[in-house]
Amino acid sequence: MKILVTGAAGFIGFYVTQRLCQAGHDVVGLDNLNDYYDPKLKFARLEQLKQYPCFTFVQMDLADDKAISQLFKEQKFQRVIHLAAQAGVRYSIDNPLVYGQSNLIGHLNILEGCRNTDVEHLVYASSSSVYGLNNKTPFSTNDSVDHPVSLYAATKKSNELMSHSYAHLYQLPTTGLRFFTVYGPWGRPDMALFKFTKAILEGKPIEVYNHGDMFRDFTYIDDIVEGIIRIQDVIPKSDKTWTVEIGNASTSSAPYQIFNIGNGRPVKLLDFVQALEQSLAKKANINFLPMQPGDVYQTYADVEDLFEKVEFKPNTELSEGVDKFVHWYNSFY
C-alpha cells in the first residue's frame, strides 16, 4: 500500500516508518523538522530512513492547508498514520498558540485530506494526558476525559472529537491511540529518560517533581509500534446498534475507535531513576521539586480492549528498555 506517516522524523514516526518499509509498503514521510528539540537528531533519523528505496521524504508544515491538500491529491494514500504534533505538556503552558496551529489546524488539514481522497483508514496519535483529573485507575477508554489539565491534553482530546465528527459525517474510518509515556532508543531529548541520562553522565543534578511521589506507565517504543502496526489493519466499521446511553465511549455508531497503548504497570518515578542508575552504574544527584502545572500524579493504562482486538499487550520490562536506551545513547553521543 501507499501510506502517509506524518512526523516521520520524530521518535515514534521514525520507528513506524521503518516497520512499514520493511513490510514492503510505499511510505511517504512528512515532517516540518522544527527546532522544538535539536534537529540534528531528526536529521540522523532521516538518514536511517533514506536507506529504504520505498521511502520518500516531504518537508511540509501540517498547518499549510493548500500544500497538504495538494499532497493528498497527488499521492492518493490508502492509509494515513498521523503522528506529527507539537508535543510537550510544560511547553504548552508558555507557548499555547503553537499547539493551535500544529495540533488543531494540522489535524483538521489531515482529516480534510483523508475525506477528500477516500483514505480507507486514518490512525492518529492521541495521548494518556487526556485522562487529566481522573483518579480511577487503570485508565479505561470508557472513562470520561472531559477534564484535561494542560492545553496539550486539550488539543489531543479535540483531535478525538474532530475525528469522530468526520467519521460520522463522511464515514471516514478513524482510530485514535492514547500513548502512555513512550521511551527507548532515538527518543525525544525533552523526555525524562533522555534528560536524566544526559545529566547523570555529566555529573549534573536531575529534577524530580512532586518530590518523587509520581507514577508513570512507561511503555517501550517497540511495544508502541507493534500496537500501531497491528491496529492499522483493523478498520473500524459503523455500528447502527450503538447509542451514547449504552455504548462504550471508545466506539460509536460511526466508524470510530479509541485504544490505549501502555505497559499496564505504573512505575514509581524513584524506581525509574534507580533502574537508570543501575544501567549507567552511576548514582544520580536528585533535586526534588514540587508538582509542576499540567502534570498528573499517575498514569496507568487499561489495555484489555487492545488485546481483544489485536491479541497484543505491551510487555517490555523497564530494566530491559532502559538498558537499550543507555546503550543507544552511549553509542550515538
Protein backbone atom coordinates (compact mmCIF):
# COMPACT_ATOMS: atom_id res chain seq x y z
CA MET A 1 0.00 0.00 0.00
CA LYS A 2 0.92 3.66 -0.19
CA ILE A 3 0.89 5.05 3.34
CA LEU A 4 1.48 8.57 4.67
CA VAL A 5 3.28 8.84 8.00
CA THR A 6 3.30 12.33 9.48
CA GLY A 7 6.05 13.15 11.94
CA ALA A 8 8.29 10.63 10.20
CA ALA A 9 11.47 12.28 11.53
CA GLY A 10 10.06 12.18 15.05
CA PHE A 11 10.57 9.46 17.65
CA ILE A 12 7.55 7.22 17.05
CA GLY A 13 7.16 8.14 13.36
CA PHE A 14 10.74 7.03 12.67
CA TYR A 15 10.11 3.53 14.02
CA VAL A 16 6.68 3.17 12.37
CA THR A 17 8.14 4.19 9.01
CA GLN A 18 10.91 1.60 9.36
CA ARG A 19 8.42 -1.16 10.09
CA LEU A 20 6.18 -0.22 7.16
CA CYS A 21 9.14 -0.08 4.76
CA GLN A 22 10.40 -3.45 5.99
CA ALA A 23 6.93 -4.85 5.27
CA GLY A 24 7.17 -3.64 1.66
CA HIS A 25 4.84 -0.63 1.71
CA ASP A 26 5.49 2.62 -0.13
CA VAL A 27 5.82 5.24 2.60
CA VAL A 28 5.71 9.00 2.24
CA GLY A 29 7.13 10.56 5.39
CA LEU A 30 6.10 14.12 6.23
CA ASP A 31 7.81 16.35 8.81
CA ASN A 32 8.43 20.08 9.19
CA LEU A 33 11.76 19.47 11.00
CA ASN A 34 11.10 22.22 13.56
CA ASP A 35 13.55 23.08 16.32
CA TYR A 36 11.42 22.17 19.36
CA TYR A 37 14.40 19.93 20.12
CA ASP A 38 17.78 19.55 18.43
CA PRO A 39 17.04 18.98 14.71
CA LYS A 40 20.30 17.02 14.39
CA LEU A 41 18.52 14.05 15.95
CA LYS A 42 15.71 14.34 13.40
CA PHE A 43 18.19 14.51 10.52
CA ALA A 44 20.00 11.45 11.89
CA ARG A 45 16.72 9.51 11.97
CA LEU A 46 16.01 10.62 8.39
CA GLU A 47 19.39 9.36 7.24
CA GLN A 48 18.42 5.93 8.56
CA LEU A 49 15.08 6.05 6.73
CA LYS A 50 16.58 7.14 3.43
CA GLN A 51 18.29 3.74 3.18
CA TYR A 52 14.89 2.29 2.23
CA PRO A 53 14.08 2.59 -1.51
CA CYS A 54 10.34 2.68 -0.71
CA PHE A 55 10.67 5.80 1.47
CA THR A 56 10.03 9.33 0.20
CA PHE A 57 10.50 12.35 2.45
CA VAL A 58 8.45 15.53 2.19
CA GLN A 59 9.26 18.57 4.33
CA MET A 60 5.96 20.29 4.95
CA ASP A 61 4.04 22.04 7.72
CA LEU A 62 0.72 20.49 8.74
CA ALA A 63 -0.82 23.95 9.08
CA ASP A 64 -0.25 24.67 5.36
CA ASP A 65 -3.70 23.63 4.13
CA LYS A 66 -3.01 24.17 0.43
CA ALA A 67 0.21 22.15 0.46
CA ILE A 68 -1.38 19.32 2.47
CA SER A 69 -4.40 19.22 0.14
CA GLN A 70 -2.14 19.07 -2.93
CA LEU A 71 -0.05 16.28 -1.38
CA PHE A 72 -3.13 14.12 -0.79
CA LYS A 73 -4.44 14.72 -4.32
CA GLU A 74 -1.10 13.84 -5.91
CA GLN A 75 -0.23 10.79 -3.82
CA LYS A 76 -3.65 9.16 -3.29
CA PHE A 77 -2.74 7.45 0.00
CA GLN A 78 -4.61 4.34 1.03
CA ARG A 79 -3.87 4.81 4.72
CA VAL A 80 -2.58 7.62 6.91
CA ILE A 81 -0.74 7.26 10.22
CA HIS A 82 -0.78 10.74 11.71
CA LEU A 83 1.87 11.08 14.42
CA ALA A 84 3.02 14.66 13.89
CA ALA A 85 2.10 17.16 16.60
CA GLN A 86 3.58 19.78 18.85
CA ALA A 87 4.48 17.69 21.88
CA GLY A 88 5.19 18.60 25.49
CA VAL A 89 2.89 19.34 28.41
CA ARG A 90 5.04 22.05 30.01
CA TYR A 91 5.89 23.71 26.68
CA SER A 92 2.16 24.19 26.05
CA ILE A 93 1.86 26.40 29.15
CA ASP A 94 4.22 29.04 27.74
CA ASN A 95 3.62 28.54 24.00
CA PRO A 96 -0.12 27.85 23.57
CA LEU A 97 -0.54 29.27 20.07
CA VAL A 98 1.91 26.75 18.59
CA TYR A 99 -0.43 23.95 19.69
CA GLY A 100 -3.39 25.57 17.95
CA GLN A 101 -1.57 25.62 14.63
CA SER A 102 0.05 22.18 14.75
CA ASN A 103 -2.38 20.07 16.76
CA LEU A 104 -5.73 21.63 15.83
CA ILE A 105 -5.34 23.19 12.37
CA GLY A 106 -2.84 20.49 11.40
CA HIS A 107 -5.17 17.67 12.43
CA LEU A 108 -8.07 19.31 10.60
CA ASN A 109 -5.99 19.52 7.40
CA ILE A 110 -5.20 15.80 7.69
CA LEU A 111 -8.89 14.98 8.17
CA GLU A 112 -9.79 17.05 5.11
CA GLY A 113 -7.10 15.37 3.03
CA CYS A 114 -8.37 11.94 4.07
CA ARG A 115 -12.03 12.59 3.38
CA ASN A 116 -11.43 14.29 0.02
CA THR A 117 -9.29 11.42 -1.30
CA ASP A 118 -11.18 8.44 0.19
CA VAL A 119 -8.42 7.26 2.53
CA GLU A 120 -9.51 3.86 3.87
CA HIS A 121 -8.17 4.33 7.43
CA LEU A 122 -6.76 7.23 9.46
CA VAL A 123 -4.79 6.20 12.55
CA TYR A 124 -3.69 9.12 14.71
CA ALA A 125 -1.78 9.75 17.93
CA SER A 126 -3.74 10.78 20.98
CA SER A 127 -2.24 10.75 24.48
CA SER A 128 -2.67 9.43 28.00
CA SER A 129 -2.72 13.09 29.04
CA VAL A 130 -6.41 13.26 28.01
CA TYR A 131 -7.30 11.48 31.27
CA GLY A 132 -6.44 14.69 33.14
CA LEU A 133 -8.06 14.85 36.58
CA ASN A 134 -9.21 11.20 36.51
CA ASN A 135 -8.34 9.36 39.71
CA LYS A 136 -9.84 5.95 38.93
CA THR A 137 -7.16 3.56 37.73
CA PRO A 138 -6.34 1.90 35.46
CA PHE A 139 -7.42 4.48 32.87
CA SER A 140 -10.02 2.93 30.58
CA THR A 141 -11.08 4.16 27.15
CA ASN A 142 -14.62 4.01 28.53
CA ASP A 143 -13.80 6.70 31.15
CA SER A 144 -14.78 10.34 30.80
CA VAL A 145 -11.93 12.53 29.52
CA ASP A 146 -13.55 15.93 29.86
CA HIS A 147 -11.13 17.49 32.37
CA PRO A 148 -7.63 17.93 30.83
CA VAL A 149 -5.03 19.77 32.93
CA SER A 150 -2.88 21.09 30.07
CA LEU A 151 -3.53 22.68 26.71
CA TYR A 152 -1.57 19.85 25.09
CA ALA A 153 -4.05 17.35 26.56
CA ALA A 154 -6.96 19.52 25.45
CA THR A 155 -5.71 19.53 21.85
CA LYS A 156 -5.39 15.73 21.89
CA LYS A 157 -8.95 15.36 23.20
CA SER A 158 -10.02 17.83 20.50
CA ASN A 159 -8.38 15.61 17.88
CA GLU A 160 -10.53 12.70 19.04
CA LEU A 161 -13.69 14.82 18.83
CA MET A 162 -12.80 16.17 15.39
CA SER A 163 -12.09 12.65 14.16
CA HIS A 164 -15.45 11.44 15.43
CA SER A 165 -17.28 14.19 13.57
CA TYR A 166 -15.55 13.22 10.31
CA ALA A 167 -16.27 9.54 10.93
CA HIS A 168 -19.93 10.42 11.48
CA LEU A 169 -20.37 12.94 8.67
CA TYR A 170 -18.23 11.37 5.96
CA GLN A 171 -17.88 7.73 7.07
CA LEU A 172 -14.10 8.22 7.34
CA PRO A 173 -12.73 5.34 9.45
CA THR A 174 -10.61 6.81 12.25
CA THR A 175 -8.66 5.22 15.11
CA GLY A 176 -7.12 7.24 17.94
CA LEU A 177 -4.30 5.77 20.03
CA ARG A 178 -3.63 7.06 23.52
CA PHE A 179 0.09 6.53 24.11
CA PHE A 180 1.48 6.20 27.63
CA THR A 181 4.97 7.66 28.37
CA VAL A 182 6.92 6.29 25.41
CA TYR A 183 10.66 5.72 25.84
CA GLY A 184 13.54 3.97 24.08
CA PRO A 185 16.48 4.49 21.69
CA TRP A 186 16.20 7.56 19.43
CA GLY A 187 13.80 9.08 22.00
CA ARG A 188 12.98 12.75 22.45
CA PRO A 189 15.51 14.89 24.36
CA ASP A 190 12.71 16.61 26.32
CA MET A 191 11.58 13.33 27.91
CA ALA A 192 12.69 12.25 31.40
CA LEU A 193 14.85 9.27 30.39
CA PHE A 194 16.88 11.33 27.93
CA LYS A 195 17.27 14.32 30.25
CA PHE A 196 18.14 12.17 33.26
CA THR A 197 20.72 10.13 31.34
CA LYS A 198 22.43 13.23 29.99
CA ALA A 199 22.52 14.94 33.38
CA ILE A 200 23.78 11.89 35.31
CA LEU A 201 26.58 11.25 32.83
CA GLU A 202 27.60 14.92 33.01
CA GLY A 203 27.53 14.89 36.81
CA LYS A 204 24.65 17.38 36.95
CA PRO A 205 21.55 17.12 39.18
CA ILE A 206 18.28 15.76 37.81
CA GLU A 207 14.96 17.44 38.59
CA VAL A 208 12.36 15.09 40.11
CA TYR A 209 8.91 16.60 40.57
CA ASN A 210 6.39 16.12 43.38
CA HIS A 211 9.39 15.00 45.47
CA GLY A 212 9.44 11.71 43.57
CA ASP A 213 5.87 10.76 44.52
CA MET A 214 4.62 10.16 40.97
CA PHE A 215 3.87 7.09 38.88
CA ARG A 216 4.21 6.65 35.12
CA ASP A 217 3.19 3.81 32.83
CA PHE A 218 6.48 3.68 30.89
CA THR A 219 5.95 2.00 27.51
CA TYR A 220 8.85 0.84 25.36
CA ILE A 221 8.92 2.11 21.78
CA ASP A 222 8.82 -1.36 20.17
CA ASP A 223 5.56 -2.09 22.01
CA ILE A 224 4.02 1.18 20.84
CA VAL A 225 4.99 0.47 17.24
CA GLU A 226 3.70 -3.10 17.37
CA GLY A 227 0.35 -1.77 18.54
CA ILE A 228 0.22 0.80 15.72
CA ILE A 229 1.16 -1.71 13.03
CA ARG A 230 -1.50 -4.18 14.18
CA ILE A 231 -4.24 -1.58 14.65
CA GLN A 232 -3.81 -0.01 11.22
CA ASP A 233 -5.15 -3.27 9.75
CA VAL A 234 -8.25 -3.13 11.99
CA ILE A 235 -10.50 -0.69 10.15
CA PRO A 236 -13.49 0.40 12.26
CA LYS A 237 -16.98 -0.05 10.86
CA SER A 238 -20.29 1.66 11.55
CA ASP A 239 -22.44 0.10 14.27
CA LYS A 240 -26.07 1.18 13.96
CA THR A 241 -26.95 -0.55 17.26
CA TRP A 242 -24.59 1.70 19.25
CA THR A 243 -26.05 4.54 21.32
CA VAL A 244 -24.49 7.10 23.65
CA GLU A 245 -26.55 5.77 26.55
CA ILE A 246 -25.45 2.13 26.36
CA GLY A 247 -22.40 2.11 24.10
CA ASN A 248 -18.72 2.15 25.03
CA ALA A 249 -17.23 5.67 24.86
CA SER A 250 -14.30 4.36 22.80
CA THR A 251 -16.57 3.32 19.91
CA SER A 252 -19.55 4.81 18.10
CA SER A 253 -22.28 4.30 15.57
CA ALA A 254 -19.72 5.87 13.21
CA PRO A 255 -16.54 4.06 12.03
CA TYR A 256 -14.54 5.34 15.00
CA GLN A 257 -12.49 3.73 17.76
CA ILE A 258 -10.04 4.64 20.53
CA PHE A 259 -7.39 2.44 22.19
CA ASN A 260 -4.83 2.81 24.96
CA ILE A 261 -1.30 1.59 24.28
CA GLY A 262 0.54 1.35 27.59
CA ASN A 263 2.52 -1.15 29.58
CA GLY A 264 -0.24 -1.50 32.16
CA ARG A 265 2.25 -1.39 35.04
CA PRO A 266 2.82 2.07 36.55
CA VAL A 267 6.30 2.61 37.97
CA LYS A 268 7.19 4.99 40.80
CA LEU A 269 9.43 7.74 39.49
CA LEU A 270 12.18 6.98 42.01
CA ASP A 271 12.18 3.31 40.95
CA PHE A 272 12.60 4.52 37.37
CA VAL A 273 15.59 6.62 38.47
CA GLN A 274 17.04 3.61 40.28
CA ALA A 275 16.75 1.45 37.13
CA LEU A 276 18.62 4.15 35.22
CA GLU A 277 21.32 4.39 37.90
CA GLN A 278 21.87 0.63 37.67
CA SER A 279 22.14 0.76 33.89
CA LEU A 280 24.58 3.67 33.99
CA ALA A 281 26.45 2.31 37.04
CA LYS A 282 26.35 5.83 38.40
CA LYS A 283 24.29 7.50 41.14
CA ALA A 284 22.04 10.44 40.40
CA ASN A 285 22.21 13.74 42.25
CA ILE A 286 18.50 14.47 42.73
CA ASN A 287 16.95 17.92 43.08
CA PHE A 288 13.44 17.34 44.45
CA LEU A 289 10.82 19.86 43.32
CA PRO A 290 7.06 20.35 43.80
CA MET A 291 4.46 19.18 41.26
CA GLN A 292 4.55 21.22 38.07
CA PRO A 293 1.49 22.82 36.42
CA GLY A 294 -0.03 20.47 33.86
CA ASP A 295 1.41 17.31 35.44
CA VAL A 296 -0.68 14.42 36.70
CA TYR A 297 0.07 12.20 39.69
CA GLN A 298 -0.26 8.85 37.91
CA THR A 299 -0.76 7.26 34.51
CA TYR A 300 -1.92 3.66 34.23
CA ALA A 301 -3.30 2.05 31.07
CA ASP A 302 -6.09 -0.49 30.80
CA VAL A 303 -5.25 -2.30 27.53
CA GLU A 304 -7.82 -5.09 27.60
CA ASP A 305 -9.70 -3.78 24.57
CA LEU A 306 -6.42 -3.55 22.61
CA PHE A 307 -5.66 -7.18 23.46
CA GLU A 308 -9.17 -8.28 22.49
CA LYS A 309 -8.83 -6.57 19.13
CA VAL A 310 -5.26 -7.49 18.08
CA GLU A 311 -4.09 -10.07 20.67
CA PHE A 312 -1.21 -7.90 21.81
CA LYS A 313 -0.20 -6.24 25.07
CA PRO A 314 2.98 -4.24 25.66
CA ASN A 315 5.34 -6.43 27.69
CA THR A 316 8.87 -4.99 27.69
CA GLU A 317 10.38 -4.86 31.17
CA LEU A 318 11.54 -1.41 32.29
CA SER A 319 15.10 -2.57 33.06
CA GLU A 320 15.43 -4.06 29.56
CA GLY A 321 14.11 -0.92 27.88
CA VAL A 322 16.31 1.41 29.93
CA ASP A 323 19.39 -0.71 29.14
CA LYS A 324 18.65 -0.48 25.42
CA PHE A 325 18.25 3.27 25.63
CA VAL A 326 21.51 3.73 27.55
CA HIS A 327 23.37 1.55 25.02
CA TRP A 328 21.99 3.66 22.16
CA TYR A 329 22.73 6.94 23.96
CA ASN A 330 26.35 6.00 24.59
CA SER A 331 26.88 4.86 21.01
CA PHE A 332 25.11 7.87 19.45
CA TYR A 333 26.67 10.57 21.60
